[in-house]
Amino acid sequence: MSSDAEAARILTAIATRNGVGRDLGVELVEGRAGYARLAFVVSDRMVGGHGICQGGYIFTLADMTGAYACLSRGTSCLTQTAHITYVSPAQRGERLEAEAIEVTRTRRSATYDVRVTVGDRLVALFRGLWRVLETPAVPSP
């Protein structure tokens, strides 16, 4: 298990090399052991035919946030399964924040709940199960 300071270091290193996050404008807002908070602003390219944020972008933010929370413990992980419930639409220009909280963790798997919000408005609820690997989340320098 990693300390909060070590978790923040790990997540900063991961965010730096995360090309998907960079392409989407994802910001690491907060990270500590077993917890992560990420955000992005819904851009024009994220808006689908209905004029609202395409659900895949919301799913990606939630999945990435859960993965960061899992990675904060210092070991690599892969999403094994995930479920999302969309509660309200996200609009162009809104800032979405996703907060992942560790529900349970064993040597081989971890479950995280993620809430995606715009201010006080709930946009989506996500629960994911990650397979915990034996390799470090960030290779040694």
C-alpha atoms as a PDB file:
ATOM      1  CA  MET A   1       0.000   0.000   0.000  1.00  0.00           C
ATOM      2  CA  SER A   2       1.212   3.475  -0.754  1.00  0.00           C
ATOM      3  CA  SER A   3       1.020   6.653   1.281  1.00  0.00           C
ATOM      4  CA  ASP A   4      -0.988   9.600   0.033  1.00  0.00           C
ATOM      5  CA  ALA A   5       2.216  11.429  -0.985  1.00  0.00           C
ATOM      6  CA  GLU A   6       3.465   8.389  -2.907  1.00  0.00           C
ATOM      7  CA  ALA A   7       0.029   7.971  -4.506  1.00  0.00           C
ATOM      8  CA  ALA A   8       0.078  11.596  -5.676  1.00  0.00           C
ATOM      9  CA  ARG A   9       3.558  11.068  -7.165  1.00  0.00           C
ATOM     10  CA  ILE A  10       2.413   7.917  -8.980  1.00  0.00           C
ATOM     11  CA  LEU A  11      -0.703   9.600 -10.387  1.00  0.00           C
ATOM     12  CA  THR A  12       1.222  12.658 -11.546  1.00  0.00           C
ATOM     13  CA  ALA A  13       3.631  10.374 -13.426  1.00  0.00           C
ATOM     14  CA  ILE A  14       0.732   8.438 -14.981  1.00  0.00           C
ATOM     15  CA  ALA A  15      -1.108  11.618 -15.986  1.00  0.00           C
ATOM     16  CA  THR A  16       2.047  12.905 -17.675  1.00  0.00           C
ATOM     17  CA  ARG A  17       2.288   9.867 -19.949  1.00  0.00           C
ATOM     18  CA  ASN A  18      -1.478   9.375 -20.542  1.00  0.00           C
ATOM     19  CA  GLY A  19      -2.027  10.298 -24.200  1.00  0.00           C
ATOM     20  CA  VAL A  20      -5.784   9.688 -24.083  1.00  0.00           C
ATOM     21  CA  GLY A  21      -6.148  11.951 -21.080  1.00  0.00           C
ATOM     22  CA  ARG A  22      -4.032  14.614 -22.752  1.00  0.00           C
ATOM     23  CA  ASP A  23      -6.097  14.416 -25.975  1.00  0.00           C
ATOM     24  CA  LEU A  24      -9.343  14.840 -24.006  1.00  0.00           C
ATOM     25  CA  GLY A  25      -7.998  17.620 -21.799  1.00  0.00           C
ATOM     26  CA  VAL A  26      -8.322  15.540 -18.622  1.00  0.00           C
ATOM     27  CA  GLU A  27      -7.019  17.237 -15.492  1.00  0.00           C
ATOM     28  CA  LEU A  28      -5.802  15.348 -12.425  1.00  0.00           C
ATOM     29  CA  VAL A  29      -7.587  17.331  -9.715  1.00  0.00           C
ATOM     30  CA  GLU A  30      -6.671  15.187  -6.709  1.00  0.00           C
ATOM     31  CA  GLY A  31      -5.085  11.851  -5.986  1.00  0.00           C
ATOM     32  CA  ARG A  32      -4.329   9.911  -2.848  1.00  0.00           C
ATOM     33  CA  ALA A  33      -4.175   6.252  -1.863  1.00  0.00           C
ATOM     34  CA  GLY A  34      -7.357   4.550  -3.115  1.00  0.00           C
ATOM     35  CA  TYR A  35      -8.889   7.790  -4.393  1.00  0.00           C
ATOM     36  CA  ALA A  36      -8.776   9.947  -7.514  1.00  0.00           C
ATOM     37  CA  ARG A  37     -10.596  12.946  -8.908  1.00  0.00           C
ATOM     38  CA  LEU A  38     -10.298  13.891 -12.583  1.00  0.00           C
ATOM     39  CA  ALA A  39     -12.092  16.480 -14.716  1.00  0.00           C
ATOM     40  CA  PHE A  40     -12.548  17.715 -18.258  1.00  0.00           C
ATOM     41  CA  VAL A  41     -14.608  20.321 -20.094  1.00  0.00           C
ATOM     42  CA  VAL A  42     -17.085  19.024 -22.684  1.00  0.00           C
ATOM     43  CA  SER A  43     -15.733  20.277 -26.016  1.00  0.00           C
ATOM     44  CA  ASP A  44     -17.518  20.599 -29.363  1.00  0.00           C
ATOM     45  CA  ARG A  45     -16.049  17.321 -30.604  1.00  0.00           C
ATOM     46  CA  MET A  46     -17.540  15.460 -27.619  1.00  0.00           C
ATOM     47  CA  VAL A  47     -21.112  16.474 -28.503  1.00  0.00           C
ATOM     48  CA  GLY A  48     -23.169  13.945 -30.481  1.00  0.00           C
ATOM     49  CA  GLY A  49     -26.209  14.233 -32.718  1.00  0.00           C
ATOM     50  CA  HIS A  50     -28.564  14.956 -29.815  1.00  0.00           C
ATOM     51  CA  GLY A  51     -26.566  18.049 -28.867  1.00  0.00           C
ATOM     52  CA  ILE A  52     -25.278  16.580 -25.591  1.00  0.00           C
ATOM     53  CA  CYS A  53     -22.020  14.927 -24.546  1.00  0.00           C
ATOM     54  CA  GLN A  54     -21.652  11.493 -26.111  1.00  0.00           C
ATOM     55  CA  GLY A  55     -21.853   8.848 -23.369  1.00  0.00           C
ATOM     56  CA  GLY A  56     -18.584   7.223 -24.386  1.00  0.00           C
ATOM     57  CA  TYR A  57     -16.656  10.293 -23.253  1.00  0.00           C
ATOM     58  CA  ILE A  58     -18.378  10.193 -19.858  1.00  0.00           C
ATOM     59  CA  PHE A  59     -17.623   6.470 -19.602  1.00  0.00           C
ATOM     60  CA  THR A  60     -13.973   7.121 -20.509  1.00  0.00           C
ATOM     61  CA  LEU A  61     -13.649   9.779 -17.806  1.00  0.00           C
ATOM     62  CA  ALA A  62     -15.231   7.489 -15.192  1.00  0.00           C
ATOM     63  CA  ASP A  63     -13.120   4.480 -16.222  1.00  0.00           C
ATOM     64  CA  MET A  64      -9.927   6.535 -16.218  1.00  0.00           C
ATOM     65  CA  THR A  65     -10.726   7.947 -12.779  1.00  0.00           C
ATOM     66  CA  GLY A  66     -11.353   4.484 -11.329  1.00  0.00           C
ATOM     67  CA  ALA A  67      -8.137   3.221 -12.897  1.00  0.00           C
ATOM     68  CA  TYR A  68      -6.189   6.126 -11.378  1.00  0.00           C
ATOM     69  CA  ALA A  69      -7.616   5.351  -7.943  1.00  0.00           C
ATOM     70  CA  CYS A  70      -6.577   1.725  -8.376  1.00  0.00           C
ATOM     71  CA  LEU A  71      -3.120   2.639  -9.717  1.00  0.00           C
ATOM     72  CA  SER A  72      -2.587   4.955  -6.746  1.00  0.00           C
ATOM     73  CA  ARG A  73      -1.828   1.878  -4.658  1.00  0.00           C
ATOM     74  CA  GLY A  74       1.358   1.375  -6.664  1.00  0.00           C
ATOM     75  CA  THR A  75       0.570  -1.649  -8.829  1.00  0.00           C
ATOM     76  CA  SER A  76      -0.613  -1.877 -12.423  1.00  0.00           C
ATOM     77  CA  CYS A  77      -4.216  -2.780 -13.136  1.00  0.00           C
ATOM     78  CA  LEU A  78      -6.635  -3.437 -15.978  1.00  0.00           C
ATOM     79  CA  THR A  79     -10.369  -2.813 -16.061  1.00  0.00           C
ATOM     80  CA  GLN A  80     -12.067  -6.207 -15.925  1.00  0.00           C
ATOM     81  CA  THR A  81     -15.711  -5.147 -15.950  1.00  0.00           C
ATOM     82  CA  ALA A  82     -17.665  -1.923 -15.548  1.00  0.00           C
ATOM     83  CA  HIS A  83     -21.224  -0.667 -15.441  1.00  0.00           C
ATOM     84  CA  ILE A  84     -22.470   2.890 -15.890  1.00  0.00           C
ATOM     85  CA  THR A  85     -25.829   4.512 -15.297  1.00  0.00           C
ATOM     86  CA  TYR A  86     -26.389   7.862 -16.993  1.00  0.00           C
ATOM     87  CA  VAL A  87     -28.512  10.122 -14.800  1.00  0.00           C
ATOM     88  CA  SER A  88     -28.520  13.502 -16.566  1.00  0.00           C
ATOM     89  CA  PRO A  89     -26.990  14.847 -19.782  1.00  0.00           C
ATOM     90  CA  ALA A  90     -23.770  16.835 -19.922  1.00  0.00           C
ATOM     91  CA  GLN A  91     -23.776  19.924 -22.112  1.00  0.00           C
ATOM     92  CA  ARG A  92     -21.135  21.544 -24.304  1.00  0.00           C
ATOM     93  CA  GLY A  93     -18.860  23.732 -22.171  1.00  0.00           C
ATOM     94  CA  GLU A  94     -19.684  22.054 -18.846  1.00  0.00           C
ATOM     95  CA  ARG A  95     -16.866  20.876 -16.585  1.00  0.00           C
ATOM     96  CA  LEU A  96     -17.350  17.241 -15.598  1.00  0.00           C
ATOM     97  CA  GLU A  97     -15.662  15.943 -12.461  1.00  0.00           C
ATOM     98  CA  ALA A  98     -15.324  12.263 -11.688  1.00  0.00           C
ATOM     99  CA  GLU A  99     -14.519  11.044  -8.182  1.00  0.00           C
ATOM    100  CA  ALA A 100     -13.449   7.438  -7.577  1.00  0.00           C
ATOM    101  CA  ILE A 101     -13.621   5.854  -4.144  1.00  0.00           C
ATOM    102  CA  GLU A 102     -12.260   2.442  -3.263  1.00  0.00           C
ATOM    103  CA  VAL A 103     -14.987   0.014  -2.197  1.00  0.00           C
ATOM    104  CA  THR A 104     -12.910  -3.122  -1.746  1.00  0.00           C
ATOM    105  CA  ARG A 105      -9.424  -4.331  -2.629  1.00  0.00           C
ATOM    106  CA  THR A 106      -7.711  -7.679  -2.426  1.00  0.00           C
ATOM    107  CA  ARG A 107      -4.351  -8.834  -3.735  1.00  0.00           C
ATOM    108  CA  ARG A 108      -5.878  -9.655  -7.139  1.00  0.00           C
ATOM    109  CA  SER A 109      -8.841  -7.327  -7.661  1.00  0.00           C
ATOM    110  CA  ALA A 110     -10.296  -3.987  -6.625  1.00  0.00           C
ATOM    111  CA  THR A 111     -13.725  -2.367  -6.917  1.00  0.00           C
ATOM    112  CA  TYR A 112     -14.267   1.376  -7.226  1.00  0.00           C
ATOM    113  CA  ASP A 113     -17.389   3.513  -7.333  1.00  0.00           C
ATOM    114  CA  VAL A 114     -17.185   6.641  -9.465  1.00  0.00           C
ATOM    115  CA  ARG A 115     -19.564   9.608  -9.423  1.00  0.00           C
ATOM    116  CA  VAL A 116     -19.490  11.950 -12.415  1.00  0.00           C
ATOM    117  CA  THR A 117     -20.927  15.374 -11.672  1.00  0.00           C
ATOM    118  CA  VAL A 118     -21.307  18.902 -12.978  1.00  0.00           C
ATOM    119  CA  GLY A 119     -21.285  21.001  -9.828  1.00  0.00           C
ATOM    120  CA  ASP A 120     -23.967  19.496  -7.571  1.00  0.00           C
ATOM    121  CA  ARG A 121     -25.744  17.732 -10.476  1.00  0.00           C
ATOM    122  CA  LEU A 122     -25.158  14.003 -10.833  1.00  0.00           C
ATOM    123  CA  VAL A 123     -24.402  13.002 -14.434  1.00  0.00           C
ATOM    124  CA  ALA A 124     -23.482   9.317 -14.043  1.00  0.00           C
ATOM    125  CA  LEU A 125     -22.783   6.523 -11.585  1.00  0.00           C
ATOM    126  CA  PHE A 126     -20.100   3.990 -12.495  1.00  0.00           C
ATOM    127  CA  ARG A 127     -18.861   0.845 -10.764  1.00  0.00           C
ATOM    128  CA  GLY A 128     -15.778  -0.934 -12.002  1.00  0.00           C
ATOM    129  CA  LEU A 129     -13.794  -4.015 -11.107  1.00  0.00           C
ATOM    130  CA  TRP A 130     -10.067  -3.895 -11.816  1.00  0.00           C
ATOM    131  CA  ARG A 131      -7.680  -6.823 -12.054  1.00  0.00           C
ATOM    132  CA  VAL A 132      -4.631  -5.956  -9.958  1.00  0.00           C
ATOM    133  CA  LEU A 133      -1.365  -7.004 -11.591  1.00  0.00           C
ATOM    134  CA  GLU A 134       2.002  -7.724 -10.003  1.00  0.00           C
ATOM    135  CA  THR A 135       3.905  -5.062 -11.927  1.00  0.00           C
ATOM    136  CA  PRO A 136       4.556  -1.541 -10.626  1.00  0.00           C
ATOM    137  CA  ALA A 137       2.183   1.203 -11.767  1.00  0.00           C
ATOM    138  CA  VAL A 138       5.167   3.388 -12.614  1.00  0.00           C
ATOM    139  CA  PRO A 139       8.481   1.763 -13.583  1.00  0.00           C
ATOM    140  CA  SER A 140      11.437   2.635 -11.388  1.00  0.00           C
ATOM    141  CA  PRO A 141      13.654   5.421 -12.779  1.00  0.00           C
END
